[in-house]
Amino acid sequence: MPKMSDRERLADLAEKSRKLAEEMETTRRRVRERYGALVTALPVESIGEREFREAVGLLVKLDGQTAIAALKAALPKS
């Protein structure tokens, strides 16, 4: 197989980069759809939209374990 020129290699890398970006976006969309489906099962109407957005936004900024620990600590002791 003949060696690719720099121009051909650059074009090949650009195509691979485009395909990878498409695959990342598709996967990102699937994850968001799956998480969105989880929200539909929650009784979110008991809080306002602003509070819901803020709560979800703050939880997303934390890693999962930190968010769970913070929420458990915030629950009233029974």
C-alpha atoms as a PDB file:
ATOM      1  CA  MET A   1       0.000   0.000   0.000  1.00  0.00           C
ATOM      2  CA  PRO A   2       1.522   3.328  -1.031  1.00  0.00           C
ATOM      3  CA  LYS A   3       2.352   5.808   1.651  1.00  0.00           C
ATOM      4  CA  MET A   4      -0.229   8.581   2.094  1.00  0.00           C
ATOM      5  CA  SER A   5       0.788  12.137   1.450  1.00  0.00           C
ATOM      6  CA  ASP A   6       0.397  14.662   4.252  1.00  0.00           C
ATOM      7  CA  ARG A   7      -2.618  16.123   2.455  1.00  0.00           C
ATOM      8  CA  GLU A   8      -4.286  12.690   2.151  1.00  0.00           C
ATOM      9  CA  ARG A   9      -3.495  11.867   5.758  1.00  0.00           C
ATOM     10  CA  LEU A  10      -4.953  15.185   6.902  1.00  0.00           C
ATOM     11  CA  ALA A  11      -8.136  14.547   4.906  1.00  0.00           C
ATOM     12  CA  ASP A  12      -8.373  11.042   6.393  1.00  0.00           C
ATOM     13  CA  LEU A  13      -7.913  12.369   9.932  1.00  0.00           C
ATOM     14  CA  ALA A  14     -10.509  15.082   9.330  1.00  0.00           C
ATOM     15  CA  GLU A  15     -13.031  12.433   8.211  1.00  0.00           C
ATOM     16  CA  LYS A  16     -12.276  10.249  11.246  1.00  0.00           C
ATOM     17  CA  SER A  17     -12.662  13.288  13.483  1.00  0.00           C
ATOM     18  CA  ARG A  18     -16.048  14.105  11.942  1.00  0.00           C
ATOM     19  CA  LYS A  19     -17.263  10.529  12.402  1.00  0.00           C
ATOM     20  CA  LEU A  20     -16.055  10.471  16.000  1.00  0.00           C
ATOM     21  CA  ALA A  21     -17.838  13.759  16.742  1.00  0.00           C
ATOM     22  CA  GLU A  22     -21.066  12.316  15.290  1.00  0.00           C
ATOM     23  CA  GLU A  23     -20.709   9.159  17.383  1.00  0.00           C
ATOM     24  CA  MET A  24     -20.102  11.216  20.532  1.00  0.00           C
ATOM     25  CA  GLU A  25     -23.196  13.324  19.886  1.00  0.00           C
ATOM     26  CA  THR A  26     -25.342  10.244  19.235  1.00  0.00           C
ATOM     27  CA  THR A  27     -24.150   8.615  22.451  1.00  0.00           C
ATOM     28  CA  ARG A  28     -24.619  11.845  24.426  1.00  0.00           C
ATOM     29  CA  ARG A  29     -28.193  12.105  23.094  1.00  0.00           C
ATOM     30  CA  ARG A  30     -28.952   8.486  24.105  1.00  0.00           C
ATOM     31  CA  VAL A  31     -27.683   9.059  27.645  1.00  0.00           C
ATOM     32  CA  ARG A  32     -29.736  12.242  27.983  1.00  0.00           C
ATOM     33  CA  GLU A  33     -32.852  10.485  26.673  1.00  0.00           C
ATOM     34  CA  ARG A  34     -32.402   7.661  29.175  1.00  0.00           C
ATOM     35  CA  TYR A  35     -31.969  10.111  32.073  1.00  0.00           C
ATOM     36  CA  GLY A  36     -34.908  12.164  30.818  1.00  0.00           C
ATOM     37  CA  ALA A  37     -37.079   9.053  30.937  1.00  0.00           C
ATOM     38  CA  LEU A  38     -36.135   8.621  34.601  1.00  0.00           C
ATOM     39  CA  VAL A  39     -37.373  12.116  35.386  1.00  0.00           C
ATOM     40  CA  THR A  40     -40.805  11.366  33.931  1.00  0.00           C
ATOM     41  CA  ALA A  41     -41.275   8.770  36.681  1.00  0.00           C
ATOM     42  CA  LEU A  42     -40.571  11.294  39.468  1.00  0.00           C
ATOM     43  CA  PRO A  43     -43.246  13.472  41.125  1.00  0.00           C
ATOM     44  CA  VAL A  44     -41.474  16.675  40.053  1.00  0.00           C
ATOM     45  CA  GLU A  45     -44.683  18.706  40.001  1.00  0.00           C
ATOM     46  CA  SER A  46     -44.335  19.087  43.779  1.00  0.00           C
ATOM     47  CA  ILE A  47     -41.522  21.623  43.260  1.00  0.00           C
ATOM     48  CA  GLY A  48     -41.187  24.612  40.985  1.00  0.00           C
ATOM     49  CA  GLU A  49     -39.362  24.457  37.677  1.00  0.00           C
ATOM     50  CA  ARG A  50     -36.709  26.898  38.843  1.00  0.00           C
ATOM     51  CA  GLU A  51     -35.934  24.831  41.948  1.00  0.00           C
ATOM     52  CA  PHE A  52     -35.908  21.622  39.908  1.00  0.00           C
ATOM     53  CA  ARG A  53     -33.471  23.061  37.357  1.00  0.00           C
ATOM     54  CA  GLU A  54     -31.227  24.404  40.100  1.00  0.00           C
ATOM     55  CA  ALA A  55     -31.251  21.108  42.034  1.00  0.00           C
ATOM     56  CA  VAL A  56     -30.475  18.998  38.956  1.00  0.00           C
ATOM     57  CA  GLY A  57     -27.815  21.459  37.816  1.00  0.00           C
ATOM     58  CA  LEU A  58     -26.069  21.352  41.181  1.00  0.00           C
ATOM     59  CA  LEU A  59     -26.206  17.556  41.316  1.00  0.00           C
ATOM     60  CA  VAL A  60     -24.747  17.255  37.831  1.00  0.00           C
ATOM     61  CA  LYS A  61     -21.837  19.502  38.830  1.00  0.00           C
ATOM     62  CA  LEU A  62     -21.010  17.152  41.717  1.00  0.00           C
ATOM     63  CA  ASP A  63     -19.842  13.629  41.125  1.00  0.00           C
ATOM     64  CA  GLY A  64     -22.444  10.932  41.856  1.00  0.00           C
ATOM     65  CA  GLN A  65     -21.118   9.771  45.223  1.00  0.00           C
ATOM     66  CA  THR A  66     -20.743  13.314  46.583  1.00  0.00           C
ATOM     67  CA  ALA A  67     -24.269  14.201  45.453  1.00  0.00           C
ATOM     68  CA  ILE A  68     -25.770  11.106  47.103  1.00  0.00           C
ATOM     69  CA  ALA A  69     -23.884  11.746  50.348  1.00  0.00           C
ATOM     70  CA  ALA A  70     -25.036  15.390  50.402  1.00  0.00           C
ATOM     71  CA  LEU A  71     -28.668  14.423  49.807  1.00  0.00           C
ATOM     72  CA  LYS A  72     -28.626  11.701  52.456  1.00  0.00           C
ATOM     73  CA  ALA A  73     -27.108  14.127  54.956  1.00  0.00           C
ATOM     74  CA  ALA A  74     -29.864  16.644  54.173  1.00  0.00           C
ATOM     75  CA  LEU A  75     -32.699  14.184  54.894  1.00  0.00           C
ATOM     76  CA  PRO A  76     -34.441  14.611  58.241  1.00  0.00           C
ATOM     77  CA  LYS A  77     -33.430  12.021  60.822  1.00  0.00           C
ATOM     78  CA  SER A  78     -36.211   9.515  61.497  1.00  0.00           C
END
